[in-house]
Amino acid sequence: MSKVKKILAIALALVMIAGLFAACSASPEKQLLGAWRNSTGTMGYEFKEGNVCAITYADITIPIINIKYNGTVDGAYTTEKGEDGNYYVTVTYTILSSSISERYMYKVDGQTLTLTNTDSGKVVTLVSYTEPSQTTIVE
């Protein structure tokens, strides 16, 4: 009977450890944090703590105002869980004196962020991005 108790104790311990890992997984809002770029590197978002973000464009036509732009602008964002169970992010920023607000349904799957514009239905897939490290070679 002692052997059965040991097996049950080990099984219970494994269930508790699995429960801890499940409880510690990042919320969808936390998973959104970080830098994300499209596959061509022409646009991206960096979502930071405190609901601030940076939007980067490289020779891209800005939605709504149809003007070519290169650079990074600061913005703000809010997240919410919709009644449909999906998660949404609204990004607001000002560029060239025009205020822009875009709402997306979002999903984070590992290193991939999928944004679906709630107005146009356009889907953008971004990947997690880390700035290349600056390496100094000393000779």
N, C-alpha and C. Protein backbone atom coordinates (compact mmCIF):
# COMPACT_ATOMS: atom_id res chain seq x y z
N MET A 1 0.81 -1.20 0.00
CA MET A 1 0.00 0.00 0.00
C MET A 1 0.85 1.26 0.00
N SER A 2 2.02 1.18 0.57
CA SER A 2 2.93 2.32 0.65
C SER A 2 3.35 2.78 -0.75
N LYS A 3 3.53 1.81 -1.66
CA LYS A 3 3.93 2.13 -3.04
C LYS A 3 2.82 2.91 -3.75
N VAL A 4 1.57 2.57 -3.52
CA VAL A 4 0.42 3.26 -4.12
C VAL A 4 0.35 4.69 -3.62
N LYS A 5 0.60 4.88 -2.33
CA LYS A 5 0.58 6.22 -1.76
C LYS A 5 1.68 7.10 -2.38
N LYS A 6 2.86 6.53 -2.59
CA LYS A 6 3.95 7.28 -3.20
C LYS A 6 3.59 7.71 -4.63
N ILE A 7 3.00 6.79 -5.38
CA ILE A 7 2.60 7.09 -6.75
C ILE A 7 1.53 8.18 -6.77
N LEU A 8 0.56 8.08 -5.86
CA LEU A 8 -0.48 9.10 -5.77
C LEU A 8 0.10 10.45 -5.37
N ALA A 9 1.05 10.45 -4.44
CA ALA A 9 1.69 11.70 -4.01
C ALA A 9 2.46 12.34 -5.17
N ILE A 10 3.17 11.54 -5.93
CA ILE A 10 3.91 12.05 -7.08
C ILE A 10 2.95 12.59 -8.13
N ALA A 11 1.88 11.86 -8.39
CA ALA A 11 0.88 12.31 -9.38
C ALA A 11 0.24 13.61 -8.93
N LEU A 12 -0.08 13.73 -7.66
CA LEU A 12 -0.66 14.96 -7.13
C LEU A 12 0.32 16.12 -7.25
N ALA A 13 1.58 15.87 -6.96
CA ALA A 13 2.61 16.91 -7.08
C ALA A 13 2.73 17.37 -8.53
N LEU A 14 2.71 16.44 -9.48
CA LEU A 14 2.80 16.81 -10.90
C LEU A 14 1.59 17.63 -11.33
N VAL A 15 0.40 17.27 -10.86
CA VAL A 15 -0.81 18.03 -11.18
C VAL A 15 -0.70 19.45 -10.63
N MET A 16 -0.18 19.59 -9.40
CA MET A 16 -0.02 20.91 -8.80
C MET A 16 1.00 21.76 -9.56
N ILE A 17 2.09 21.16 -9.97
CA ILE A 17 3.11 21.88 -10.75
C ILE A 17 2.53 22.33 -12.08
N ALA A 18 1.78 21.45 -12.75
CA ALA A 18 1.15 21.83 -14.02
C ALA A 18 0.17 22.97 -13.81
N GLY A 19 -0.56 22.95 -12.71
CA GLY A 19 -1.49 24.04 -12.40
C GLY A 19 -0.77 25.36 -12.18
N LEU A 20 0.38 25.31 -11.53
CA LEU A 20 1.16 26.54 -11.33
C LEU A 20 1.62 27.12 -12.66
N PHE A 21 2.10 26.27 -13.56
CA PHE A 21 2.52 26.77 -14.87
C PHE A 21 1.35 27.37 -15.64
N ALA A 22 0.20 26.74 -15.56
CA ALA A 22 -0.97 27.26 -16.27
C ALA A 22 -1.39 28.60 -15.68
N ALA A 23 -1.32 28.74 -14.37
CA ALA A 23 -1.72 29.99 -13.72
C ALA A 23 -0.74 31.12 -14.00
N CYS A 24 0.50 30.77 -14.27
CA CYS A 24 1.53 31.79 -14.49
C CYS A 24 1.65 32.22 -15.94
N SER A 25 0.92 31.59 -16.84
CA SER A 25 1.05 31.98 -18.25
C SER A 25 0.57 33.42 -18.41
N ALA A 26 1.23 34.13 -19.28
CA ALA A 26 0.95 35.56 -19.46
C ALA A 26 -0.45 35.77 -20.04
N SER A 27 -1.11 36.81 -19.55
CA SER A 27 -2.43 37.17 -20.08
C SER A 27 -2.26 37.69 -21.50
N PRO A 28 -3.32 37.67 -22.29
CA PRO A 28 -3.22 38.21 -23.66
C PRO A 28 -2.71 39.65 -23.69
N GLU A 29 -3.09 40.44 -22.67
CA GLU A 29 -2.62 41.83 -22.62
C GLU A 29 -1.10 41.88 -22.42
N LYS A 30 -0.56 41.00 -21.59
CA LYS A 30 0.88 40.97 -21.35
C LYS A 30 1.63 40.39 -22.55
N GLN A 31 1.01 39.44 -23.25
CA GLN A 31 1.64 38.85 -24.43
C GLN A 31 1.82 39.89 -25.53
N LEU A 32 0.99 40.92 -25.54
CA LEU A 32 1.05 41.96 -26.56
C LEU A 32 2.31 42.84 -26.40
N LEU A 33 2.83 42.92 -25.17
CA LEU A 33 3.99 43.77 -24.91
C LEU A 33 5.20 43.33 -25.71
N GLY A 34 5.94 44.31 -26.22
CA GLY A 34 7.16 44.02 -26.96
C GLY A 34 7.12 44.66 -28.34
N ALA A 35 8.18 44.41 -29.09
CA ALA A 35 8.31 44.97 -30.44
C ALA A 35 7.89 43.92 -31.46
N TRP A 36 7.13 44.37 -32.45
CA TRP A 36 6.60 43.50 -33.51
C TRP A 36 6.84 44.17 -34.85
N ARG A 37 7.30 43.42 -35.85
CA ARG A 37 7.55 43.94 -37.20
C ARG A 37 6.93 43.02 -38.23
N ASN A 38 6.57 43.61 -39.40
CA ASN A 38 6.09 42.76 -40.49
C ASN A 38 7.29 42.11 -41.16
N SER A 39 7.04 41.18 -42.06
CA SER A 39 8.13 40.39 -42.65
C SER A 39 9.09 41.21 -43.49
N THR A 40 8.62 42.34 -44.03
CA THR A 40 9.50 43.18 -44.85
C THR A 40 10.19 44.27 -44.04
N GLY A 41 9.81 44.43 -42.79
CA GLY A 41 10.42 45.45 -41.94
C GLY A 41 9.93 46.86 -42.22
N THR A 42 8.85 46.99 -43.02
CA THR A 42 8.37 48.33 -43.38
C THR A 42 7.43 48.94 -42.35
N MET A 43 6.96 48.13 -41.41
CA MET A 43 6.11 48.70 -40.35
C MET A 43 6.14 47.81 -39.13
N GLY A 44 5.82 48.45 -38.01
CA GLY A 44 5.80 47.68 -36.78
C GLY A 44 5.24 48.48 -35.62
N TYR A 45 4.98 47.77 -34.55
CA TYR A 45 4.48 48.36 -33.31
C TYR A 45 5.39 47.92 -32.17
N GLU A 46 5.55 48.81 -31.21
CA GLU A 46 6.18 48.41 -29.95
C GLU A 46 5.22 48.81 -28.85
N PHE A 47 4.64 47.80 -28.21
CA PHE A 47 3.69 48.02 -27.13
C PHE A 47 4.46 47.96 -25.81
N LYS A 48 4.32 49.01 -25.01
CA LYS A 48 5.06 49.13 -23.76
C LYS A 48 4.11 49.18 -22.57
N GLU A 49 4.67 48.95 -21.38
CA GLU A 49 3.90 49.10 -20.14
C GLU A 49 3.33 50.51 -20.08
N GLY A 50 2.22 50.69 -19.41
CA GLY A 50 1.64 52.02 -19.25
C GLY A 50 0.81 52.45 -20.45
N ASN A 51 0.48 51.50 -21.32
CA ASN A 51 -0.37 51.76 -22.49
C ASN A 51 0.21 52.79 -23.44
N VAL A 52 1.52 52.82 -23.58
CA VAL A 52 2.16 53.65 -24.59
C VAL A 52 2.76 52.74 -25.65
N CYS A 53 2.85 53.26 -26.87
CA CYS A 53 3.40 52.46 -27.95
C CYS A 53 4.16 53.35 -28.92
N ALA A 54 4.92 52.72 -29.78
CA ALA A 54 5.61 53.40 -30.85
C ALA A 54 5.25 52.67 -32.14
N ILE A 55 4.94 53.45 -33.17
CA ILE A 55 4.57 52.89 -34.46
C ILE A 55 5.66 53.29 -35.45
N THR A 56 6.23 52.32 -36.14
CA THR A 56 7.32 52.57 -37.07
C THR A 56 6.86 52.31 -38.49
N TYR A 57 7.15 53.27 -39.36
CA TYR A 57 6.85 53.14 -40.79
C TYR A 57 8.13 53.38 -41.59
N ALA A 58 8.35 52.60 -42.63
CA ALA A 58 9.49 52.79 -43.52
C ALA A 58 8.97 52.86 -44.94
N ASP A 59 8.88 54.08 -45.46
CA ASP A 59 8.40 54.33 -46.83
C ASP A 59 7.07 53.61 -47.09
N ILE A 60 6.12 53.91 -46.27
CA ILE A 60 4.81 53.29 -46.37
C ILE A 60 3.75 54.38 -46.43
N THR A 61 2.67 54.11 -47.09
CA THR A 61 1.58 55.07 -47.15
C THR A 61 0.74 54.92 -45.89
N ILE A 62 0.61 56.03 -45.16
CA ILE A 62 -0.14 56.03 -43.91
C ILE A 62 -1.63 55.85 -44.21
N PRO A 63 -2.27 54.91 -43.51
CA PRO A 63 -3.71 54.74 -43.71
C PRO A 63 -4.47 56.02 -43.40
N ILE A 64 -5.57 56.20 -43.99
CA ILE A 64 -6.51 57.31 -43.81
C ILE A 64 -6.03 58.58 -44.50
N ILE A 65 -4.75 58.99 -44.28
CA ILE A 65 -4.31 60.26 -44.87
C ILE A 65 -3.56 60.08 -46.19
N ASN A 66 -3.23 58.84 -46.58
CA ASN A 66 -2.59 58.50 -47.86
C ASN A 66 -1.37 59.35 -48.17
N ILE A 67 -0.45 59.43 -47.23
CA ILE A 67 0.80 60.16 -47.41
C ILE A 67 1.95 59.20 -47.09
N LYS A 68 3.02 59.25 -47.90
CA LYS A 68 4.20 58.43 -47.64
C LYS A 68 4.90 58.95 -46.39
N TYR A 69 5.40 58.04 -45.58
CA TYR A 69 6.05 58.44 -44.33
C TYR A 69 7.16 57.47 -43.98
N ASN A 70 8.23 57.99 -43.40
CA ASN A 70 9.32 57.20 -42.84
C ASN A 70 9.55 57.69 -41.42
N GLY A 71 9.59 56.80 -40.47
CA GLY A 71 9.90 57.20 -39.11
C GLY A 71 9.07 56.48 -38.08
N THR A 72 9.24 56.92 -36.84
CA THR A 72 8.53 56.35 -35.70
C THR A 72 7.75 57.44 -35.01
N VAL A 73 6.52 57.13 -34.67
CA VAL A 73 5.68 58.08 -33.92
C VAL A 73 5.24 57.41 -32.62
N ASP A 74 5.08 58.24 -31.60
CA ASP A 74 4.59 57.74 -30.32
C ASP A 74 3.07 57.74 -30.31
N GLY A 75 2.53 56.81 -29.60
CA GLY A 75 1.08 56.72 -29.51
C GLY A 75 0.66 56.11 -28.19
N ALA A 76 -0.61 55.79 -28.11
CA ALA A 76 -1.18 55.15 -26.93
C ALA A 76 -2.06 54.00 -27.39
N TYR A 77 -2.31 53.09 -26.48
CA TYR A 77 -3.19 51.97 -26.84
C TYR A 77 -4.01 51.54 -25.63
N THR A 78 -5.14 50.94 -25.93
CA THR A 78 -5.97 50.31 -24.91
C THR A 78 -6.31 48.91 -25.39
N THR A 79 -6.51 48.02 -24.44
CA THR A 79 -6.91 46.65 -24.78
C THR A 79 -8.22 46.33 -24.09
N GLU A 80 -8.94 45.40 -24.67
CA GLU A 80 -10.19 44.97 -24.06
C GLU A 80 -10.52 43.57 -24.56
N LYS A 81 -11.27 42.86 -23.75
CA LYS A 81 -11.79 41.56 -24.17
C LYS A 81 -13.23 41.81 -24.59
N GLY A 82 -13.52 41.45 -25.84
CA GLY A 82 -14.86 41.67 -26.37
C GLY A 82 -15.86 40.65 -25.86
N GLU A 83 -17.13 40.96 -26.05
CA GLU A 83 -18.19 40.03 -25.65
C GLU A 83 -18.11 38.72 -26.42
N ASP A 84 -17.45 38.78 -27.59
CA ASP A 84 -17.29 37.58 -28.41
C ASP A 84 -16.14 36.70 -27.93
N GLY A 85 -15.41 37.14 -26.87
CA GLY A 85 -14.30 36.36 -26.34
C GLY A 85 -12.96 36.69 -26.97
N ASN A 86 -12.95 37.50 -28.03
CA ASN A 86 -11.71 37.90 -28.67
C ASN A 86 -11.12 39.11 -27.95
N TYR A 87 -9.82 39.34 -28.18
CA TYR A 87 -9.14 40.47 -27.58
C TYR A 87 -8.94 41.56 -28.63
N TYR A 88 -9.08 42.81 -28.21
CA TYR A 88 -8.99 43.95 -29.11
C TYR A 88 -8.00 44.97 -28.57
N VAL A 89 -7.31 45.62 -29.49
CA VAL A 89 -6.41 46.72 -29.14
C VAL A 89 -6.77 47.91 -30.02
N THR A 90 -6.87 49.08 -29.40
CA THR A 90 -7.10 50.32 -30.13
C THR A 90 -5.84 51.16 -30.01
N VAL A 91 -5.25 51.50 -31.15
CA VAL A 91 -4.02 52.28 -31.19
C VAL A 91 -4.37 53.68 -31.68
N THR A 92 -3.91 54.70 -30.94
CA THR A 92 -4.18 56.09 -31.29
C THR A 92 -2.86 56.84 -31.36
N TYR A 93 -2.67 57.61 -32.44
CA TYR A 93 -1.46 58.41 -32.59
C TYR A 93 -1.73 59.58 -33.51
N THR A 94 -0.81 60.54 -33.50
CA THR A 94 -0.93 61.71 -34.37
C THR A 94 0.28 61.74 -35.27
N ILE A 95 0.02 61.91 -36.55
CA ILE A 95 1.11 62.00 -37.53
C ILE A 95 0.76 63.06 -38.56
N LEU A 96 1.71 63.93 -38.82
CA LEU A 96 1.50 65.03 -39.77
C LEU A 96 0.20 65.79 -39.46
N SER A 97 0.01 66.09 -38.21
CA SER A 97 -1.16 66.85 -37.70
C SER A 97 -2.49 66.12 -37.87
N SER A 98 -2.45 64.85 -38.19
CA SER A 98 -3.69 64.07 -38.32
C SER A 98 -3.75 63.04 -37.19
N SER A 99 -4.87 63.02 -36.49
CA SER A 99 -5.06 62.04 -35.43
C SER A 99 -5.63 60.76 -36.04
N ILE A 100 -5.01 59.65 -35.71
CA ILE A 100 -5.40 58.36 -36.27
C ILE A 100 -5.71 57.41 -35.13
N SER A 101 -6.82 56.70 -35.25
CA SER A 101 -7.20 55.70 -34.27
C SER A 101 -7.61 54.44 -35.04
N GLU A 102 -6.96 53.34 -34.72
CA GLU A 102 -7.24 52.08 -35.40
C GLU A 102 -7.54 51.01 -34.36
N ARG A 103 -8.57 50.22 -34.63
CA ARG A 103 -8.96 49.14 -33.70
C ARG A 103 -8.72 47.81 -34.40
N TYR A 104 -8.07 46.91 -33.68
CA TYR A 104 -7.75 45.59 -34.21
C TYR A 104 -8.20 44.50 -33.25
N MET A 105 -8.64 43.40 -33.80
CA MET A 105 -8.75 42.18 -33.03
C MET A 105 -7.35 41.59 -33.08
N TYR A 106 -6.84 41.12 -31.94
CA TYR A 106 -5.48 40.59 -31.98
C TYR A 106 -5.39 39.21 -31.34
N LYS A 107 -4.36 38.49 -31.81
CA LYS A 107 -4.07 37.17 -31.27
C LYS A 107 -2.56 36.98 -31.27
N VAL A 108 -2.04 36.58 -30.14
CA VAL A 108 -0.61 36.29 -30.03
C VAL A 108 -0.46 34.78 -29.98
N ASP A 109 0.35 34.25 -30.89
CA ASP A 109 0.61 32.82 -30.94
C ASP A 109 2.12 32.64 -30.97
N GLY A 110 2.71 32.46 -29.80
CA GLY A 110 4.15 32.34 -29.71
C GLY A 110 4.83 33.65 -30.09
N GLN A 111 5.59 33.64 -31.16
CA GLN A 111 6.32 34.81 -31.63
C GLN A 111 5.58 35.56 -32.73
N THR A 112 4.31 35.25 -32.94
CA THR A 112 3.53 35.86 -34.01
C THR A 112 2.34 36.63 -33.44
N LEU A 113 2.16 37.85 -33.92
CA LEU A 113 1.01 38.68 -33.55
C LEU A 113 0.18 38.90 -34.80
N THR A 114 -1.09 38.54 -34.73
CA THR A 114 -2.00 38.74 -35.85
C THR A 114 -2.97 39.86 -35.48
N LEU A 115 -3.01 40.91 -36.31
CA LEU A 115 -3.91 42.04 -36.12
C LEU A 115 -4.92 42.03 -37.25
N THR A 116 -6.19 42.07 -36.90
CA THR A 116 -7.26 42.15 -37.90
C THR A 116 -7.99 43.47 -37.69
N ASN A 117 -7.89 44.37 -38.67
CA ASN A 117 -8.55 45.67 -38.58
C ASN A 117 -10.05 45.47 -38.52
N THR A 118 -10.69 46.04 -37.49
CA THR A 118 -12.13 45.82 -37.31
C THR A 118 -12.98 46.58 -38.33
N ASP A 119 -12.41 47.61 -38.98
CA ASP A 119 -13.16 48.35 -40.00
C ASP A 119 -13.01 47.71 -41.38
N SER A 120 -11.77 47.45 -41.78
CA SER A 120 -11.52 46.97 -43.13
C SER A 120 -11.43 45.45 -43.24
N GLY A 121 -11.16 44.77 -42.12
CA GLY A 121 -10.97 43.33 -42.16
C GLY A 121 -9.58 42.93 -42.60
N LYS A 122 -8.72 43.91 -42.90
CA LYS A 122 -7.36 43.62 -43.34
C LYS A 122 -6.58 42.96 -42.22
N VAL A 123 -5.86 41.90 -42.56
CA VAL A 123 -5.09 41.13 -41.58
C VAL A 123 -3.61 41.43 -41.78
N VAL A 124 -2.94 41.74 -40.69
CA VAL A 124 -1.50 41.99 -40.71
C VAL A 124 -0.86 41.00 -39.74
N THR A 125 0.16 40.31 -40.19
CA THR A 125 0.89 39.38 -39.35
C THR A 125 2.25 39.96 -39.04
N LEU A 126 2.57 40.04 -37.76
CA LEU A 126 3.84 40.60 -37.30
C LEU A 126 4.57 39.54 -36.49
N VAL A 127 5.89 39.65 -36.45
CA VAL A 127 6.69 38.73 -35.66
C VAL A 127 7.42 39.50 -34.58
N SER A 128 7.70 38.82 -33.48
CA SER A 128 8.43 39.43 -32.38
C SER A 128 9.80 39.86 -32.90
N TYR A 129 10.21 41.06 -32.48
CA TYR A 129 11.42 41.65 -33.03
C TYR A 129 12.28 42.20 -31.91
N THR A 130 13.55 41.91 -31.97
CA THR A 130 14.51 42.47 -31.03
C THR A 130 15.54 43.23 -31.84
N GLU A 131 15.83 44.45 -31.40
CA GLU A 131 16.83 45.26 -32.10
C GLU A 131 18.15 44.49 -32.16
N PRO A 132 18.81 44.50 -33.33
CA PRO A 132 20.12 43.85 -33.40
C PRO A 132 21.07 44.50 -32.40
N SER A 133 21.86 43.69 -31.73
CA SER A 133 22.79 44.26 -30.76
C SER A 133 23.92 44.99 -31.48
N GLN A 134 24.37 46.03 -30.86
CA GLN A 134 25.48 46.81 -31.40
C GLN A 134 26.76 46.16 -30.91
N THR A 135 27.52 45.57 -31.81
CA THR A 135 28.76 44.89 -31.44
C THR A 135 29.94 45.73 -31.88
N THR A 136 30.83 45.96 -30.97
CA THR A 136 32.06 46.69 -31.28
C THR A 136 33.20 45.69 -31.34
N ILE A 137 33.90 45.70 -32.45
CA ILE A 137 35.02 44.78 -32.61
C ILE A 137 36.29 45.56 -32.28
N VAL A 138 37.04 45.05 -31.34
CA VAL A 138 38.29 45.69 -30.93
C VAL A 138 39.42 44.87 -31.52
N GLU A 139 40.29 45.57 -32.24
CA GLU A 139 41.42 44.86 -32.86
C GLU A 139 42.69 45.08 -32.11
